[in-house]
Amino acid sequence: MESLIGITGLALLVIFYLRKYLLRKESPQQQALPFDGELFQVGLACIAKRAHSGATSTVIVIPGFVENFLYFTEYYADPTIELILLTSADYHVPVTRPRFSTAQWAKPPKARPGSIAYDAAVLNLALTHLVTTQNVRVHGHSRGGAVALEAARQQPALFEQVEVVLEAPVLPQGLPYAPLPGIVRWCLPFFLPFWQQQPINDRNRSIWGPLDNPRKRELIMGVPFNPKRAAIMLANLKDMADWMPDTSTDIYQYVKRGAILVPGNDRVLQSAAMLASARQAENLQIIEIDGGSHFVLPDHPESIPPLQQS
């Protein structure tokens, strides 16, 4: 009996230390492209500003959980747009051989890395220091939508003239499509290597929606590699799980114009809860995408409101 207890204790110890190692182990970067512009390291996050000439409009994009900013670059390819792209805290920057510019304003946020509040503070630094036009759109997908709302709550004055596009967003009082039990989240570091071996598989196939778009498929194949570590993925998941129920729909008062895009066949977030929350946003238009997946931009780009060029 004592030997069995000893073996069990040893096995638990091995599991504990293996999990600790896997939490900190850095995933290899899978997606990176040449980038013509400036990069600014802000704590564990990054802001990229694409080179342009004669821009009359600015777009700031915030990717969702386990995404990178390449999700947006095809849609906002127009070189006359002043495009500013955020990389979430402790995620790989999808740029080949990145070289960072220095700026006195690029100071780490006080919030916890991995939180919506952290990335929201980074967004507000971009709005304050990098925008040079009067016509500004902030476009957030999924978790990025919550980042946009949180940034507006942090600094309402910055959003007085800003248009927000919240695409299949994490919203106050929203709900995940299928909540992850605590034991599943705890085991994530053990599951991640298997997910990386087969990013699209039978267990998650329904999440992605149509996969006939080669670029969308390519982006999805990089998803489990975008966060540098399993630890930041867990931090993101816990913070989103807390932010949705703890955030009142009063937060909508801080955004003055724009749209919330609600897909009807979302398999990441509950469409009904998303729609119920969106209806509390008096200043924003609701655009419902019948049968649309969580990934509106690649699947239904015509649903995105046209950018108003000033």
Protein backbone atom coordinates (compact mmCIF):
# COMPACT_ATOMS: atom_id res chain seq x y z
CA MET A 1 0.00 0.00 0.00
CA GLU A 2 2.80 2.39 0.91
CA SER A 3 4.55 1.66 -2.38
CA LEU A 4 1.34 2.43 -4.28
CA ILE A 5 1.00 5.75 -2.44
CA GLY A 6 4.63 6.52 -3.22
CA ILE A 7 4.22 5.73 -6.92
CA THR A 8 1.04 7.82 -7.09
CA GLY A 9 2.76 10.72 -5.37
CA LEU A 10 5.72 10.49 -7.73
CA ALA A 11 3.40 10.41 -10.75
CA LEU A 12 1.53 13.50 -9.52
CA LEU A 13 4.84 15.28 -8.95
CA VAL A 14 5.96 14.46 -12.49
CA ILE A 15 2.65 15.69 -13.91
CA PHE A 16 2.90 18.91 -11.88
CA TYR A 17 6.41 19.72 -13.07
CA LEU A 18 5.67 18.67 -16.65
CA ARG A 19 2.68 21.01 -16.71
CA LYS A 20 4.82 23.81 -15.28
CA TYR A 21 7.36 23.24 -18.06
CA LEU A 22 4.69 23.12 -20.78
CA LEU A 23 3.08 26.33 -19.52
CA ARG A 24 6.36 28.20 -20.04
CA LYS A 25 7.57 26.42 -23.17
CA GLU A 26 7.63 28.80 -26.15
CA SER A 27 5.76 27.66 -29.25
CA PRO A 28 7.55 28.01 -32.59
CA GLN A 29 6.33 30.85 -34.76
CA GLN A 30 4.49 29.64 -37.86
CA GLN A 31 3.34 32.82 -39.61
CA ALA A 32 5.39 35.88 -40.46
CA LEU A 33 5.49 38.17 -43.49
CA PRO A 34 7.65 41.11 -44.55
CA PHE A 35 6.33 44.37 -43.16
CA ASP A 36 6.91 47.88 -44.45
CA GLY A 37 6.40 50.17 -41.51
CA GLU A 38 7.27 50.72 -37.85
CA LEU A 39 7.04 48.35 -34.91
CA PHE A 40 6.76 49.48 -31.30
CA GLN A 41 7.23 47.10 -28.38
CA VAL A 42 4.84 48.03 -25.56
CA GLY A 43 5.53 45.78 -22.61
CA LEU A 44 4.72 42.28 -23.85
CA ALA A 45 2.50 43.61 -26.67
CA CYS A 46 3.35 45.22 -29.99
CA ILE A 47 1.93 47.96 -32.19
CA ALA A 48 2.69 47.94 -35.92
CA LYS A 49 2.06 50.95 -38.15
CA ARG A 50 2.11 50.26 -41.87
CA ALA A 51 3.84 52.74 -44.15
CA HIS A 52 1.47 54.89 -46.22
CA SER A 53 1.33 58.09 -48.19
CA GLY A 54 -1.44 60.65 -48.10
CA ALA A 55 -3.80 58.68 -45.87
CA THR A 56 -7.16 60.26 -45.14
CA SER A 57 -8.43 57.49 -42.84
CA THR A 58 -6.95 55.43 -40.03
CA VAL A 59 -7.90 51.87 -39.12
CA ILE A 60 -6.67 50.19 -35.92
CA VAL A 61 -7.22 46.43 -35.80
CA ILE A 62 -7.28 44.12 -32.79
CA PRO A 63 -7.26 40.36 -33.41
CA GLY A 64 -9.12 37.84 -31.31
CA PHE A 65 -8.00 35.07 -28.99
CA VAL A 66 -5.14 33.02 -30.54
CA GLU A 67 -5.24 35.15 -33.70
CA ASN A 68 -2.71 37.51 -35.22
CA PHE A 69 -3.22 40.72 -37.19
CA LEU A 70 -2.82 38.99 -40.56
CA TYR A 71 -6.54 38.27 -40.15
CA PHE A 72 -7.19 41.88 -41.24
CA THR A 73 -4.46 42.77 -43.70
CA GLU A 74 -6.11 41.50 -46.88
CA TYR A 75 -9.34 43.41 -46.23
CA TYR A 76 -7.49 46.64 -45.37
CA ALA A 77 -4.88 46.29 -48.12
CA ASP A 78 -5.58 49.76 -49.57
CA PRO A 79 -2.22 51.55 -49.16
CA THR A 80 -3.96 54.89 -48.64
CA ILE A 81 -5.27 53.66 -45.27
CA GLU A 82 -3.16 54.44 -42.24
CA LEU A 83 -3.28 50.90 -40.86
CA ILE A 84 -2.24 50.27 -37.25
CA LEU A 85 -2.14 46.65 -36.09
CA LEU A 86 -2.01 45.30 -32.55
CA THR A 87 -0.37 42.11 -31.33
CA SER A 88 -1.70 40.89 -27.99
CA ALA A 89 0.57 40.53 -24.98
CA ASP A 90 3.03 37.62 -25.24
CA TYR A 91 1.97 36.65 -28.78
CA HIS A 92 4.33 36.26 -31.72
CA VAL A 93 4.55 39.34 -33.93
CA PRO A 94 3.76 38.03 -37.45
CA VAL A 95 6.64 39.92 -39.08
CA THR A 96 9.83 38.49 -40.54
CA ARG A 97 12.98 39.81 -38.86
CA PRO A 98 11.15 42.46 -36.79
CA ARG A 99 13.05 45.62 -35.89
CA PHE A 100 11.50 47.82 -33.23
CA SER A 101 11.48 51.59 -33.06
CA THR A 102 11.88 53.27 -29.69
CA ALA A 103 9.36 55.74 -28.31
CA GLN A 104 9.12 57.37 -24.89
CA TRP A 105 5.38 56.80 -24.82
CA ALA A 106 5.66 53.03 -25.32
CA LYS A 107 5.44 52.14 -21.63
CA PRO A 108 4.10 48.81 -20.32
CA PRO A 109 0.50 48.92 -19.10
CA LYS A 110 -0.16 48.50 -15.39
CA ALA A 111 -2.80 45.81 -15.96
CA ARG A 112 -2.00 42.10 -15.89
CA PRO A 113 -0.55 40.69 -19.15
CA GLY A 114 -3.09 38.46 -20.84
CA SER A 115 -6.00 40.60 -19.69
CA ILE A 116 -8.39 42.57 -21.88
CA ALA A 117 -7.44 45.64 -19.83
CA TYR A 118 -3.74 45.24 -20.74
CA ASP A 119 -4.34 45.16 -24.49
CA ALA A 120 -6.91 47.98 -24.15
CA ALA A 121 -4.22 50.21 -22.65
CA VAL A 122 -1.97 49.39 -25.62
CA LEU A 123 -4.79 50.31 -28.01
CA ASN A 124 -5.17 53.67 -26.28
CA LEU A 125 -1.45 54.36 -26.69
CA ALA A 126 -1.86 53.77 -30.43
CA LEU A 127 -4.86 56.11 -30.56
CA THR A 128 -2.99 58.78 -28.63
CA HIS A 129 0.40 58.68 -30.32
CA LEU A 130 0.16 57.13 -33.80
CA VAL A 131 -3.08 58.33 -35.41
CA THR A 132 -2.62 61.23 -37.82
CA THR A 133 -6.03 61.48 -39.54
CA GLN A 134 -9.42 62.69 -38.35
CA ASN A 135 -11.36 59.68 -39.65
CA VAL A 136 -10.63 56.74 -37.33
CA ARG A 137 -12.02 53.23 -37.21
CA VAL A 138 -11.21 50.67 -34.49
CA HIS A 139 -12.00 47.14 -35.70
CA GLY A 140 -11.87 44.31 -33.19
CA HIS A 141 -12.66 40.66 -33.86
CA SER A 142 -13.90 38.37 -31.07
CA ARG A 143 -11.78 39.16 -27.98
CA GLY A 144 -10.60 42.22 -29.88
CA GLY A 145 -14.14 43.61 -29.63
CA ALA A 146 -13.94 43.48 -25.84
CA VAL A 147 -10.52 45.16 -26.01
CA ALA A 148 -12.06 48.04 -27.99
CA LEU A 149 -14.91 48.48 -25.49
CA GLU A 150 -12.54 48.31 -22.53
CA ALA A 151 -10.26 50.90 -24.13
CA ALA A 152 -13.24 53.24 -24.55
CA ARG A 153 -14.11 52.77 -20.89
CA GLN A 154 -10.51 53.50 -19.87
CA GLN A 155 -10.27 56.72 -21.91
CA PRO A 156 -13.70 57.84 -23.18
CA ALA A 157 -12.38 61.08 -24.66
CA LEU A 158 -10.31 59.16 -27.22
CA PHE A 159 -13.45 57.53 -28.63
CA GLU A 160 -15.63 60.61 -29.06
CA GLN A 161 -15.08 60.64 -32.83
CA VAL A 162 -14.04 57.02 -33.36
CA GLU A 163 -16.08 54.49 -35.34
CA VAL A 164 -15.97 50.99 -33.84
CA VAL A 165 -16.55 47.77 -35.74
CA LEU A 166 -17.10 44.90 -33.31
CA GLU A 167 -17.01 41.68 -35.33
CA ALA A 168 -18.44 38.54 -33.66
CA PRO A 169 -17.27 40.17 -30.44
CA VAL A 170 -16.81 39.16 -26.85
CA LEU A 171 -19.43 41.42 -25.25
CA PRO A 172 -20.61 42.32 -21.75
CA GLN A 173 -23.02 39.63 -20.54
CA GLY A 174 -22.02 37.45 -23.48
CA LEU A 175 -21.50 33.70 -23.27
CA PRO A 176 -19.16 31.15 -24.85
CA TYR A 177 -20.81 28.69 -27.20
CA ALA A 178 -19.52 25.77 -25.11
CA PRO A 179 -17.96 26.71 -21.75
CA LEU A 180 -14.69 24.95 -20.99
CA PRO A 181 -14.76 23.00 -17.71
CA GLY A 182 -12.01 23.90 -15.28
CA ILE A 183 -10.29 20.53 -15.70
CA VAL A 184 -10.09 21.08 -19.48
CA ARG A 185 -8.47 24.48 -19.00
CA TRP A 186 -6.04 22.97 -16.48
CA CYS A 187 -5.06 20.31 -19.02
CA LEU A 188 -4.60 22.80 -21.88
CA PRO A 189 -0.77 22.68 -21.73
CA PHE A 190 -0.97 18.92 -22.35
CA PHE A 191 -3.49 19.30 -25.21
CA LEU A 192 -1.69 22.12 -27.00
CA PRO A 193 1.06 20.00 -28.66
CA PHE A 194 -1.61 17.73 -30.15
CA TRP A 195 -3.62 20.73 -31.39
CA GLN A 196 -0.47 22.11 -33.01
CA GLN A 197 0.03 18.82 -34.84
CA GLN A 198 -3.48 19.07 -36.35
CA PRO A 199 -4.94 22.59 -36.02
CA ILE A 200 -8.06 21.61 -38.00
CA ASN A 201 -9.44 18.30 -36.79
CA ASP A 202 -12.67 16.41 -36.25
CA ARG A 203 -13.13 17.86 -32.75
CA ASN A 204 -12.95 21.52 -33.78
CA ARG A 205 -14.05 21.41 -37.44
CA SER A 206 -17.46 23.03 -36.76
CA ILE A 207 -15.84 26.07 -35.12
CA TRP A 208 -14.23 27.38 -38.29
CA GLY A 209 -17.20 27.53 -40.66
CA PRO A 210 -16.46 27.27 -44.41
CA LEU A 211 -12.89 26.33 -45.25
CA ASP A 212 -12.90 26.78 -49.02
CA ASN A 213 -11.01 30.09 -48.65
CA PRO A 214 -7.30 29.11 -48.88
CA ARG A 215 -6.15 32.19 -46.97
CA LYS A 216 -8.59 31.58 -44.14
CA ARG A 217 -7.46 27.96 -43.90
CA GLU A 218 -3.83 29.09 -43.81
CA LEU A 219 -4.54 31.54 -40.99
CA ILE A 220 -6.35 28.87 -38.98
CA MET A 221 -3.42 26.49 -39.37
CA GLY A 222 -1.29 29.03 -37.51
CA VAL A 223 -3.78 29.69 -34.70
CA PRO A 224 -2.38 27.35 -32.00
CA PHE A 225 1.12 28.77 -32.58
CA ASN A 226 0.29 32.50 -32.30
CA PRO A 227 0.44 32.77 -28.48
CA LYS A 228 4.01 32.26 -27.37
CA ARG A 229 3.10 30.08 -24.42
CA ALA A 230 0.22 28.04 -23.04
CA ALA A 231 0.34 30.26 -19.95
CA ILE A 232 -0.84 33.31 -21.90
CA MET A 233 -3.63 31.28 -23.49
CA LEU A 234 -4.88 30.32 -20.04
CA ALA A 235 -4.62 33.92 -18.86
CA ASN A 236 -6.70 35.04 -21.86
CA LEU A 237 -9.34 32.38 -21.26
CA LYS A 238 -9.72 33.13 -17.56
CA ASP A 239 -9.87 36.87 -18.11
CA MET A 240 -12.54 36.58 -20.84
CA ALA A 241 -14.55 34.25 -18.62
CA ASP A 242 -14.45 36.89 -15.87
CA TRP A 243 -14.87 39.97 -18.09
CA MET A 244 -18.13 38.93 -19.76
CA PRO A 245 -20.28 38.41 -16.64
CA ASP A 246 -18.53 41.13 -14.62
CA THR A 247 -18.93 43.88 -17.23
CA SER A 248 -22.19 45.78 -17.41
CA THR A 249 -23.77 46.81 -20.71
CA ASP A 250 -23.32 50.38 -19.42
CA ILE A 251 -19.90 50.16 -21.10
CA TYR A 252 -21.61 50.87 -24.44
CA GLN A 253 -22.08 54.51 -23.47
CA TYR A 254 -18.41 55.12 -24.23
CA VAL A 255 -18.66 54.27 -27.94
CA LYS A 256 -20.53 56.80 -30.05
CA ARG A 257 -20.87 55.22 -33.50
CA GLY A 258 -20.18 52.05 -35.42
CA ALA A 259 -21.58 48.54 -35.71
CA ILE A 260 -21.75 45.17 -34.01
CA LEU A 261 -21.69 42.21 -36.40
CA VAL A 262 -23.57 39.19 -35.06
CA PRO A 263 -23.18 35.92 -37.02
CA GLY A 264 -26.10 33.54 -36.78
CA ASN A 265 -24.06 30.34 -36.74
CA ASP A 266 -21.25 31.28 -34.36
CA ARG A 267 -19.64 28.22 -32.78
CA VAL A 268 -17.25 30.16 -30.53
CA LEU A 269 -19.67 32.53 -28.81
CA GLN A 270 -23.41 32.23 -28.27
CA SER A 271 -25.14 34.26 -30.99
CA ALA A 272 -28.30 34.80 -28.93
CA ALA A 273 -26.38 36.21 -25.96
CA MET A 274 -24.29 38.35 -28.30
CA LEU A 275 -27.42 39.78 -29.90
CA ALA A 276 -29.13 40.43 -26.56
CA SER A 277 -26.08 42.35 -25.37
CA ALA A 278 -25.71 44.25 -28.65
CA ARG A 279 -29.28 45.51 -28.37
CA GLN A 280 -28.22 47.51 -25.31
CA ALA A 281 -25.76 49.54 -27.42
CA GLU A 282 -27.90 52.56 -28.30
CA ASN A 283 -25.23 54.22 -30.44
CA LEU A 284 -24.27 51.22 -32.56
CA GLN A 285 -25.88 49.56 -35.56
CA ILE A 286 -26.50 45.81 -35.33
CA ILE A 287 -25.69 43.80 -38.45
CA GLU A 288 -26.91 40.21 -38.33
CA ILE A 289 -25.26 37.70 -40.67
CA ASP A 290 -27.70 34.89 -41.25
CA GLY A 291 -25.87 31.57 -41.00
CA GLY A 292 -22.52 33.31 -40.67
CA SER A 293 -19.64 31.74 -38.78
CA HIS A 294 -17.50 33.39 -36.11
CA PHE A 295 -15.14 34.55 -38.88
CA VAL A 296 -17.17 37.22 -40.63
CA LEU A 297 -14.34 39.04 -42.37
CA PRO A 298 -13.14 36.15 -44.58
CA ASP A 299 -16.59 34.57 -44.98
CA HIS A 300 -18.81 37.64 -45.49
CA PRO A 301 -16.58 40.67 -46.17
CA GLU A 302 -19.54 42.48 -47.75
CA SER A 303 -21.11 42.66 -44.27
CA ILE A 304 -18.39 44.97 -42.97
CA PRO A 305 -19.55 48.60 -43.20
CA PRO A 306 -17.59 50.49 -45.87
CA LEU A 307 -14.83 52.68 -44.56
CA GLN A 308 -15.73 56.34 -44.91
CA GLN A 309 -12.84 58.20 -46.54
CA SER A 310 -12.69 61.84 -45.52
